[in-house]
Amino acid sequence: MNITKIPVDIQKMLRNALLISISPTYEYQNGNRMERIVGYKYTVILPELAYEKINVKILGNKLMEISDEAIAVKFENVEAKLFCIDGKYDITATATSIQPIKNGAEGK
């Protein structure tokens, strides 16, 4: 079985996600990092999963700023997949947008 083909329920994982940091994502050419910023990685902690961290990459301009406290957020059009490097499995996630959740409660 190829474990990287297993679907990831990223919507459920990101429920109650708290944004803790933002860092730039750079363009790469032939395996070399270039100077050009192509997007941002939004690092969130997941209270429902023992406060594990996950990075969600969004291409384009920075969509939020961080504060001294974690911010409850939701992502639009988020997708995730498993990958393996040197025998260690991890998750990569991408989205098209991020928004703060008012009063820490997600509206439906």
N, C-alpha and C. Protein backbone atom coordinates (compact mmCIF):
# COMPACT_ATOMS: atom_id res chain seq x y z
N MET A 1 0.85 -1.18 0.00
CA MET A 1 0.00 0.00 0.00
C MET A 1 0.89 1.24 0.00
N ASN A 2 0.55 2.18 -0.85
CA ASN A 2 1.25 3.45 -0.89
C ASN A 2 0.54 4.42 0.06
N ILE A 3 1.13 4.66 1.22
CA ILE A 3 0.48 5.46 2.25
C ILE A 3 0.25 6.91 1.80
N THR A 4 1.03 7.39 0.84
CA THR A 4 0.85 8.77 0.38
C THR A 4 -0.45 8.95 -0.41
N LYS A 5 -1.11 7.84 -0.76
CA LYS A 5 -2.38 7.91 -1.49
C LYS A 5 -3.59 7.96 -0.54
N ILE A 6 -3.35 7.81 0.76
CA ILE A 6 -4.44 7.83 1.73
C ILE A 6 -4.97 9.26 1.85
N PRO A 7 -6.29 9.46 1.72
CA PRO A 7 -6.85 10.82 1.84
C PRO A 7 -6.71 11.35 3.27
N VAL A 8 -6.47 12.66 3.35
CA VAL A 8 -6.31 13.33 4.64
C VAL A 8 -7.53 14.24 4.84
N ASP A 9 -8.21 14.09 5.97
CA ASP A 9 -9.36 14.94 6.27
C ASP A 9 -8.84 16.24 6.90
N ILE A 10 -8.31 17.11 6.05
CA ILE A 10 -7.66 18.33 6.53
C ILE A 10 -8.67 19.31 7.13
N GLN A 11 -9.90 19.32 6.64
CA GLN A 11 -10.91 20.20 7.22
C GLN A 11 -11.12 19.88 8.70
N LYS A 12 -11.20 18.60 9.00
CA LYS A 12 -11.38 18.18 10.39
C LYS A 12 -10.13 18.49 11.22
N MET A 13 -8.97 18.27 10.64
CA MET A 13 -7.72 18.55 11.36
C MET A 13 -7.59 20.03 11.72
N LEU A 14 -8.02 20.90 10.81
CA LEU A 14 -7.84 22.34 11.01
C LEU A 14 -8.96 23.00 11.81
N ARG A 15 -9.93 22.21 12.26
CA ARG A 15 -10.98 22.77 13.10
C ARG A 15 -10.34 23.36 14.36
N ASN A 16 -10.68 24.60 14.67
CA ASN A 16 -10.14 25.32 15.83
C ASN A 16 -8.64 25.62 15.73
N ALA A 17 -8.11 25.71 14.50
CA ALA A 17 -6.70 26.02 14.29
C ALA A 17 -6.37 27.41 14.81
N LEU A 18 -5.17 27.52 15.39
CA LEU A 18 -4.70 28.79 15.94
C LEU A 18 -3.41 29.20 15.25
N LEU A 19 -3.43 30.34 14.59
CA LEU A 19 -2.26 30.85 13.87
C LEU A 19 -1.21 31.34 14.86
N ILE A 20 0.04 30.83 14.70
CA ILE A 20 1.10 31.26 15.62
C ILE A 20 2.28 31.92 14.91
N SER A 21 2.44 31.68 13.60
CA SER A 21 3.53 32.35 12.89
C SER A 21 3.28 32.35 11.39
N ILE A 22 3.99 33.26 10.71
CA ILE A 22 3.91 33.39 9.26
C ILE A 22 5.34 33.55 8.75
N SER A 23 5.69 32.81 7.71
CA SER A 23 7.02 32.94 7.12
C SER A 23 6.92 32.88 5.60
N PRO A 24 7.85 33.56 4.90
CA PRO A 24 7.79 33.58 3.44
C PRO A 24 8.15 32.23 2.82
N THR A 25 7.59 31.99 1.64
CA THR A 25 7.92 30.83 0.82
C THR A 25 8.60 31.37 -0.43
N TYR A 26 9.74 30.81 -0.75
CA TYR A 26 10.55 31.33 -1.86
C TYR A 26 10.42 30.47 -3.12
N GLU A 27 10.70 31.10 -4.24
CA GLU A 27 10.77 30.41 -5.52
C GLU A 27 12.03 29.55 -5.55
N TYR A 28 11.91 28.38 -6.16
CA TYR A 28 13.07 27.50 -6.35
C TYR A 28 13.25 27.22 -7.83
N GLN A 29 14.50 27.22 -8.28
CA GLN A 29 14.81 26.84 -9.65
C GLN A 29 15.96 25.85 -9.62
N ASN A 30 15.77 24.71 -10.23
CA ASN A 30 16.78 23.65 -10.26
C ASN A 30 17.29 23.30 -8.87
N GLY A 31 16.39 23.29 -7.90
CA GLY A 31 16.75 22.94 -6.54
C GLY A 31 17.41 24.05 -5.74
N ASN A 32 17.56 25.23 -6.34
CA ASN A 32 18.19 26.36 -5.65
C ASN A 32 17.16 27.41 -5.28
N ARG A 33 17.24 27.90 -4.03
CA ARG A 33 16.33 28.93 -3.58
C ARG A 33 16.70 30.27 -4.21
N MET A 34 15.68 30.93 -4.75
CA MET A 34 15.86 32.24 -5.35
C MET A 34 15.44 33.31 -4.34
N GLU A 35 15.62 34.56 -4.67
CA GLU A 35 15.27 35.68 -3.78
C GLU A 35 13.77 35.98 -3.76
N ARG A 36 13.06 35.60 -4.82
CA ARG A 36 11.66 35.97 -5.00
C ARG A 36 10.74 35.22 -4.05
N ILE A 37 9.93 35.97 -3.30
CA ILE A 37 8.91 35.38 -2.43
C ILE A 37 7.68 35.08 -3.27
N VAL A 38 7.20 33.83 -3.20
CA VAL A 38 6.04 33.42 -4.02
C VAL A 38 4.79 33.21 -3.18
N GLY A 39 4.93 33.23 -1.87
CA GLY A 39 3.78 33.02 -0.99
C GLY A 39 4.23 33.00 0.45
N TYR A 40 3.33 32.49 1.30
CA TYR A 40 3.63 32.46 2.73
C TYR A 40 3.16 31.15 3.35
N LYS A 41 3.90 30.70 4.37
CA LYS A 41 3.52 29.54 5.16
C LYS A 41 2.91 30.06 6.45
N TYR A 42 1.70 29.61 6.72
CA TYR A 42 0.97 29.97 7.92
C TYR A 42 1.04 28.77 8.86
N THR A 43 1.75 28.93 9.97
CA THR A 43 1.90 27.84 10.93
C THR A 43 0.79 27.94 11.96
N VAL A 44 0.05 26.84 12.10
CA VAL A 44 -1.04 26.79 13.07
C VAL A 44 -0.81 25.63 14.02
N ILE A 45 -1.36 25.80 15.22
CA ILE A 45 -1.39 24.69 16.17
C ILE A 45 -2.81 24.15 16.20
N LEU A 46 -2.92 22.86 16.50
CA LEU A 46 -4.20 22.16 16.43
C LEU A 46 -4.58 21.65 17.82
N PRO A 47 -5.37 22.43 18.57
CA PRO A 47 -5.73 22.05 19.93
C PRO A 47 -6.39 20.67 20.04
N GLU A 48 -7.16 20.29 19.02
CA GLU A 48 -7.85 19.00 19.07
C GLU A 48 -6.93 17.83 18.76
N LEU A 49 -5.69 18.11 18.33
CA LEU A 49 -4.72 17.06 18.05
C LEU A 49 -3.46 17.27 18.89
N ALA A 50 -3.67 17.45 20.19
CA ALA A 50 -2.58 17.59 21.16
C ALA A 50 -1.61 18.71 20.79
N TYR A 51 -2.16 19.77 20.20
CA TYR A 51 -1.38 20.97 19.85
C TYR A 51 -0.27 20.69 18.85
N GLU A 52 -0.49 19.73 17.97
CA GLU A 52 0.45 19.51 16.87
C GLU A 52 0.48 20.75 15.99
N LYS A 53 1.58 20.94 15.27
CA LYS A 53 1.71 22.07 14.35
C LYS A 53 1.61 21.59 12.92
N ILE A 54 1.09 22.45 12.06
CA ILE A 54 1.07 22.18 10.63
C ILE A 54 1.25 23.51 9.90
N ASN A 55 1.99 23.47 8.79
CA ASN A 55 2.15 24.63 7.93
C ASN A 55 1.19 24.53 6.77
N VAL A 56 0.52 25.63 6.46
CA VAL A 56 -0.38 25.69 5.30
C VAL A 56 0.17 26.77 4.38
N LYS A 57 0.53 26.38 3.16
CA LYS A 57 1.12 27.32 2.21
C LYS A 57 0.04 27.95 1.35
N ILE A 58 0.14 29.28 1.21
CA ILE A 58 -0.77 30.04 0.35
C ILE A 58 0.10 30.89 -0.57
N LEU A 59 -0.06 30.71 -1.87
CA LEU A 59 0.71 31.50 -2.84
C LEU A 59 0.16 32.92 -2.91
N GLY A 60 1.05 33.87 -3.20
CA GLY A 60 0.63 35.26 -3.36
C GLY A 60 1.04 36.12 -2.17
N ASN A 61 0.34 37.23 -2.02
CA ASN A 61 0.64 38.20 -0.97
C ASN A 61 0.30 37.69 0.41
N LYS A 62 0.93 38.28 1.42
CA LYS A 62 0.62 37.96 2.81
C LYS A 62 -0.80 38.42 3.10
N LEU A 63 -1.62 37.54 3.63
CA LEU A 63 -3.05 37.80 3.83
C LEU A 63 -3.41 38.20 5.25
N MET A 64 -2.50 38.00 6.20
CA MET A 64 -2.77 38.32 7.61
C MET A 64 -1.48 38.75 8.27
N GLU A 65 -1.61 39.38 9.39
CA GLU A 65 -0.49 39.66 10.27
C GLU A 65 -0.73 38.88 11.56
N ILE A 66 0.35 38.60 12.26
CA ILE A 66 0.19 37.89 13.53
C ILE A 66 0.28 38.89 14.68
N SER A 67 -0.20 38.47 15.82
CA SER A 67 -0.13 39.30 17.02
C SER A 67 0.64 38.53 18.09
N ASP A 68 0.65 39.07 19.28
CA ASP A 68 1.35 38.40 20.38
C ASP A 68 0.63 37.13 20.84
N GLU A 69 -0.65 37.03 20.52
CA GLU A 69 -1.43 35.86 20.91
C GLU A 69 -1.85 35.08 19.67
N ALA A 70 -2.07 33.79 19.85
CA ALA A 70 -2.55 32.94 18.76
C ALA A 70 -3.91 33.44 18.28
N ILE A 71 -4.14 33.36 16.98
CA ILE A 71 -5.37 33.85 16.36
C ILE A 71 -6.15 32.67 15.78
N ALA A 72 -7.41 32.53 16.13
CA ALA A 72 -8.26 31.49 15.54
C ALA A 72 -8.49 31.83 14.07
N VAL A 73 -8.25 30.86 13.19
CA VAL A 73 -8.35 31.10 11.75
C VAL A 73 -9.08 29.97 11.05
N LYS A 74 -9.50 30.28 9.82
CA LYS A 74 -10.04 29.24 8.94
C LYS A 74 -9.41 29.44 7.57
N PHE A 75 -9.30 28.36 6.82
CA PHE A 75 -8.70 28.36 5.50
C PHE A 75 -9.76 28.07 4.45
N GLU A 76 -9.55 28.63 3.26
CA GLU A 76 -10.44 28.37 2.12
C GLU A 76 -9.73 27.44 1.14
N ASN A 77 -10.48 26.51 0.58
CA ASN A 77 -9.97 25.59 -0.45
C ASN A 77 -8.69 24.89 -0.02
N VAL A 78 -8.68 24.39 1.19
CA VAL A 78 -7.49 23.73 1.72
C VAL A 78 -7.41 22.29 1.23
N GLU A 79 -6.21 21.88 0.88
CA GLU A 79 -5.94 20.51 0.45
C GLU A 79 -4.69 20.02 1.15
N ALA A 80 -4.60 18.73 1.37
CA ALA A 80 -3.43 18.16 2.04
C ALA A 80 -3.10 16.79 1.48
N LYS A 81 -1.85 16.41 1.64
CA LYS A 81 -1.43 15.06 1.27
C LYS A 81 -0.27 14.64 2.14
N LEU A 82 -0.14 13.35 2.30
CA LEU A 82 0.97 12.78 3.04
C LEU A 82 2.19 12.67 2.15
N PHE A 83 3.38 12.78 2.74
CA PHE A 83 4.60 12.52 2.00
C PHE A 83 5.61 11.88 2.94
N CYS A 84 6.64 11.30 2.35
CA CYS A 84 7.66 10.60 3.13
C CYS A 84 9.04 11.05 2.66
N ILE A 85 9.89 11.43 3.63
CA ILE A 85 11.29 11.76 3.35
C ILE A 85 12.13 11.01 4.37
N ASP A 86 13.06 10.22 3.86
CA ASP A 86 13.96 9.43 4.73
C ASP A 86 13.21 8.60 5.75
N GLY A 87 12.09 8.02 5.34
CA GLY A 87 11.32 7.15 6.23
C GLY A 87 10.42 7.87 7.22
N LYS A 88 10.40 9.20 7.17
CA LYS A 88 9.56 9.97 8.10
C LYS A 88 8.38 10.54 7.32
N TYR A 89 7.17 10.28 7.82
CA TYR A 89 5.95 10.76 7.17
C TYR A 89 5.53 12.11 7.74
N ASP A 90 4.98 12.94 6.87
CA ASP A 90 4.50 14.25 7.29
C ASP A 90 3.36 14.64 6.37
N ILE A 91 2.77 15.80 6.63
CA ILE A 91 1.65 16.30 5.84
C ILE A 91 2.03 17.65 5.23
N THR A 92 1.69 17.84 3.98
CA THR A 92 1.83 19.13 3.34
C THR A 92 0.43 19.65 3.04
N ALA A 93 0.22 20.94 3.26
CA ALA A 93 -1.10 21.52 3.04
C ALA A 93 -0.99 22.83 2.28
N THR A 94 -1.97 23.07 1.41
CA THR A 94 -2.06 24.33 0.67
C THR A 94 -3.49 24.84 0.78
N ALA A 95 -3.65 26.14 0.59
CA ALA A 95 -4.98 26.76 0.60
C ALA A 95 -4.94 27.96 -0.32
N THR A 96 -6.11 28.57 -0.53
CA THR A 96 -6.17 29.77 -1.36
C THR A 96 -6.35 31.02 -0.53
N SER A 97 -6.78 30.87 0.73
CA SER A 97 -7.03 32.04 1.57
C SER A 97 -7.05 31.63 3.04
N ILE A 98 -6.84 32.63 3.90
CA ILE A 98 -6.93 32.46 5.35
C ILE A 98 -7.67 33.66 5.91
N GLN A 99 -8.49 33.41 6.92
CA GLN A 99 -9.27 34.48 7.54
C GLN A 99 -9.33 34.25 9.04
N PRO A 100 -9.31 35.35 9.81
CA PRO A 100 -9.51 35.19 11.25
C PRO A 100 -10.95 34.81 11.52
N ILE A 101 -11.17 34.08 12.60
CA ILE A 101 -12.52 33.72 13.02
C ILE A 101 -12.90 34.66 14.15
N LYS A 102 -13.98 35.36 13.97
CA LYS A 102 -14.43 36.32 14.98
C LYS A 102 -14.80 35.62 16.28
N ASN A 103 -14.33 36.14 17.39
CA ASN A 103 -14.63 35.61 18.73
C ASN A 103 -14.22 34.15 18.90
N GLY A 104 -13.31 33.66 18.04
CA GLY A 104 -12.83 32.29 18.17
C GLY A 104 -13.85 31.24 17.83
N ALA A 105 -15.00 31.63 17.26
CA ALA A 105 -16.03 30.65 16.91
C ALA A 105 -16.29 30.71 15.42
N GLU A 106 -16.14 29.59 14.76
CA GLU A 106 -16.34 29.53 13.32
C GLU A 106 -17.81 29.56 12.98
N GLY A 107 -18.17 30.51 12.12
CA GLY A 107 -19.56 30.57 11.66
C GLY A 107 -19.78 29.66 10.47
N LYS A 108 -20.94 29.09 10.37
CA LYS A 108 -21.24 28.20 9.25
C LYS A 108 -22.27 28.84 8.35
